[in-house]
Amino acid sequence: MQAGPYDSMKDISLKILQSSVSTVPIIHSASQDGSFPQLLYLASLSGILKCISRYFRHSAGSFPILQQPICNSLVKRLPQATTFLFYLDITALAKDKAYAQIHLDEISIHQALQLGQNANSSNAFYNGQRCQMCLRTDSLHKVMERLANPGVRRLLIVEAGSKRVEGVISLSDVFRFLLGI
């Protein structure tokens, strides 16, 4: 699967979503017969979202949908007992070898966040860089900007005061909403 330099961002986004791949190569061939193809770019949902966010950064107020709090339809609700291993990437924990300090199949997301909030904890593997958070009241545009950061694939939606996990929103959730699929 590939795309060309004149394909729309919508078409490329649909290819990524429908094929469940992380990137699509953007290929250009100067010749009529398609020989000598050149790789121009590897398109990803986060890269496309970054372009969209940058484009609307100063005009987001002109589009009311971007200023509204994230919709309930975008949020995947997580029960409090959902285990850390179930939803978050284990590779994010590998850098600090945190996986050796905890039992991933026994710790809930809520417990992991609490450990990370406690700076004195010997298991303080969580920091805001590994697992981004947002509030239910954050605007769609703010959520899009956070998801456009490299390596961020999902945001935990937390309660403002307690940091209790209320749900998750992913890149694909936002694109499905924006594309109406």
Protein backbone atom coordinates (compact mmCIF):
# COMPACT_ATOMS: atom_id res chain seq x y z
CA MET A 1 0.00 0.00 0.00
CA GLN A 2 1.25 3.45 -0.87
CA ALA A 3 0.04 6.94 -1.72
CA GLY A 4 1.10 9.64 -4.14
CA PRO A 5 2.12 13.23 -3.51
CA TYR A 6 -1.24 14.51 -4.76
CA ASP A 7 -3.43 12.26 -2.60
CA SER A 8 -5.43 14.16 -0.01
CA MET A 9 -4.69 13.90 3.70
CA LYS A 10 -8.20 12.47 4.07
CA ASP A 11 -7.47 9.63 1.64
CA ILE A 12 -4.13 8.85 3.30
CA SER A 13 -5.78 8.89 6.74
CA LEU A 14 -8.45 6.48 5.52
CA LYS A 15 -5.78 4.15 4.11
CA ILE A 16 -3.97 4.11 7.45
CA LEU A 17 -7.16 3.50 9.44
CA GLN A 18 -8.61 0.86 7.12
CA SER A 19 -5.34 -1.05 6.80
CA SER A 20 -4.42 -0.80 10.50
CA VAL A 21 -0.87 0.29 9.66
CA SER A 22 1.12 3.06 11.33
CA THR A 23 2.57 4.66 8.20
CA VAL A 24 1.97 4.89 4.47
CA PRO A 25 4.85 5.65 2.10
CA ILE A 26 4.33 8.64 -0.18
CA ILE A 27 5.93 7.62 -3.49
CA HIS A 28 6.60 9.74 -6.57
CA SER A 29 7.80 8.58 -9.95
CA ALA A 30 9.00 11.08 -12.52
CA SER A 31 8.48 8.68 -15.40
CA GLN A 32 5.15 7.78 -17.00
CA ASP A 33 5.63 4.03 -16.55
CA GLY A 34 6.24 4.30 -12.79
CA SER A 35 9.86 3.25 -12.94
CA PHE A 36 12.40 4.85 -10.62
CA PRO A 37 9.99 5.52 -7.77
CA GLN A 38 11.22 7.88 -5.06
CA LEU A 39 10.17 7.78 -1.44
CA LEU A 40 9.14 11.30 -0.49
CA TYR A 41 7.72 10.81 2.98
CA LEU A 42 6.27 8.32 5.44
CA ALA A 43 2.83 9.63 6.37
CA SER A 44 1.36 8.81 9.77
CA LEU A 45 -1.77 9.86 11.64
CA SER A 46 0.28 11.90 14.11
CA GLY A 47 2.08 13.69 11.26
CA ILE A 48 -1.20 14.46 9.53
CA LEU A 49 -2.70 15.65 12.81
CA LYS A 50 0.33 17.86 13.38
CA CYS A 51 -0.25 19.54 9.99
CA ILE A 52 -3.95 20.01 10.73
CA SER A 53 -3.25 21.41 14.22
CA ARG A 54 -0.60 23.79 12.88
CA TYR A 55 -2.98 24.98 10.15
CA PHE A 56 -5.79 25.72 12.62
CA ARG A 57 -3.58 27.00 15.47
CA HIS A 58 -4.46 30.65 14.93
CA SER A 59 -7.91 30.17 13.46
CA ALA A 60 -9.34 27.42 15.67
CA GLY A 61 -11.86 29.94 17.03
CA SER A 62 -13.47 30.06 13.57
CA PHE A 63 -14.41 26.40 13.91
CA PRO A 64 -16.68 25.87 16.93
CA ILE A 65 -16.24 22.09 16.86
CA LEU A 66 -12.53 22.51 17.65
CA GLN A 67 -13.31 24.64 20.72
CA GLN A 68 -15.87 22.27 22.22
CA PRO A 69 -14.85 19.93 25.05
CA ILE A 70 -14.03 16.45 23.83
CA CYS A 71 -17.17 14.54 23.10
CA ASN A 72 -18.30 11.52 25.06
CA SER A 73 -18.31 9.65 21.77
CA LEU A 74 -14.53 10.13 21.54
CA VAL A 75 -13.81 8.72 24.96
CA LYS A 76 -13.24 5.02 25.58
CA ARG A 77 -14.28 4.49 29.19
CA LEU A 78 -12.06 2.31 31.31
CA PRO A 79 -13.24 0.52 34.42
CA GLN A 80 -11.14 1.30 37.51
CA ALA A 81 -9.87 -2.27 37.62
CA THR A 82 -8.52 -2.25 34.05
CA THR A 83 -4.94 -3.46 34.28
CA PHE A 84 -2.00 -1.37 33.19
CA LEU A 85 -0.87 -4.05 30.76
CA PHE A 86 -4.30 -4.12 29.12
CA TYR A 87 -4.18 -0.66 27.59
CA LEU A 88 -0.79 1.11 27.88
CA ASP A 89 2.29 0.18 25.86
CA ILE A 90 4.77 -1.95 27.75
CA THR A 91 7.58 -0.51 25.63
CA ALA A 92 7.11 2.85 27.34
CA LEU A 93 8.15 1.20 30.60
CA ALA A 94 11.23 -0.53 29.19
CA LYS A 95 13.49 2.51 29.18
CA ASP A 96 13.69 2.74 32.97
CA LYS A 97 13.30 -1.03 33.46
CA ALA A 98 10.12 -0.29 35.42
CA TYR A 99 8.63 -3.59 34.27
CA ALA A 100 11.06 -5.36 36.63
CA GLN A 101 9.74 -3.44 39.62
CA ILE A 102 6.01 -4.06 39.20
CA HIS A 103 3.59 -6.80 38.24
CA LEU A 104 1.93 -5.31 35.15
CA ASP A 105 -0.94 -7.76 35.14
CA GLU A 106 -1.84 -6.83 38.72
CA ILE A 107 -1.59 -3.02 38.71
CA SER A 108 -4.45 -0.88 37.46
CA ILE A 109 -4.02 2.30 35.45
CA HIS A 110 -5.32 4.28 38.41
CA GLN A 111 -2.70 2.70 40.70
CA ALA A 112 0.06 3.36 38.18
CA LEU A 113 -0.89 7.02 37.97
CA GLN A 114 -0.87 7.26 41.75
CA LEU A 115 2.62 5.74 41.87
CA GLY A 116 3.83 8.23 39.32
CA GLN A 117 2.35 11.16 41.22
CA ASN A 118 4.28 10.17 44.34
CA ALA A 119 7.80 11.51 43.81
CA ASN A 120 9.11 9.57 46.82
CA SER A 121 8.00 6.22 45.47
CA SER A 122 10.69 3.73 44.51
CA ASN A 123 8.41 2.67 41.66
CA ALA A 124 8.07 6.17 40.16
CA PHE A 125 8.19 4.94 36.58
CA TYR A 126 5.41 7.17 35.32
CA ASN A 127 6.07 10.69 34.15
CA GLY A 128 4.02 13.02 31.99
CA GLN A 129 6.20 12.34 28.97
CA ARG A 130 5.37 8.63 28.75
CA CYS A 131 1.67 8.83 29.26
CA GLN A 132 -0.01 12.07 28.33
CA MET A 133 -3.17 13.17 30.12
CA CYS A 134 -6.02 15.51 29.36
CA LEU A 135 -9.24 16.60 31.01
CA ARG A 136 -12.77 15.96 29.80
CA THR A 137 -13.14 19.75 29.55
CA ASP A 138 -10.17 20.16 27.18
CA SER A 139 -11.07 21.30 23.69
CA LEU A 140 -10.83 19.00 20.71
CA HIS A 141 -8.12 21.28 19.30
CA LYS A 142 -6.04 20.99 22.50
CA VAL A 143 -6.40 17.20 22.41
CA MET A 144 -5.39 17.19 18.72
CA GLU A 145 -2.27 19.23 19.50
CA ARG A 146 -1.23 16.80 22.26
CA LEU A 147 -1.82 13.76 20.04
CA ALA A 148 0.27 15.39 17.30
CA ASN A 149 3.39 15.11 19.48
CA PRO A 150 5.81 12.38 18.36
CA GLY A 151 5.25 9.10 20.14
CA VAL A 152 1.89 10.05 21.64
CA ARG A 153 -0.76 7.62 20.43
CA ARG A 154 -3.37 8.08 23.16
CA LEU A 155 -4.29 10.34 26.04
CA LEU A 156 -5.62 9.27 29.39
CA ILE A 157 -8.62 11.35 30.34
CA VAL A 158 -8.37 12.11 34.05
CA GLU A 159 -10.48 13.90 36.64
CA ALA A 160 -9.15 17.40 37.30
CA GLY A 161 -8.51 17.14 41.03
CA SER A 162 -7.97 13.49 41.78
CA LYS A 163 -6.29 12.44 38.50
CA ARG A 164 -8.63 9.43 38.52
CA VAL A 165 -8.68 7.85 35.06
CA GLU A 166 -12.03 8.34 33.32
CA GLY A 167 -11.17 7.06 29.87
CA VAL A 168 -8.81 7.05 26.92
CA ILE A 169 -8.77 8.86 23.60
CA SER A 170 -6.52 7.72 20.77
CA LEU A 171 -5.28 9.11 17.47
CA SER A 172 -7.59 6.79 15.58
CA ASP A 173 -10.57 7.90 17.73
CA VAL A 174 -9.97 11.52 16.72
CA PHE A 175 -9.57 10.64 13.04
CA ARG A 176 -12.68 8.47 13.00
CA PHE A 177 -14.60 11.37 14.55
CA LEU A 178 -13.20 13.95 12.11
CA LEU A 179 -13.79 11.69 9.10
CA GLY A 180 -17.25 10.63 10.28
CA ILE A 181 -16.49 6.92 10.31
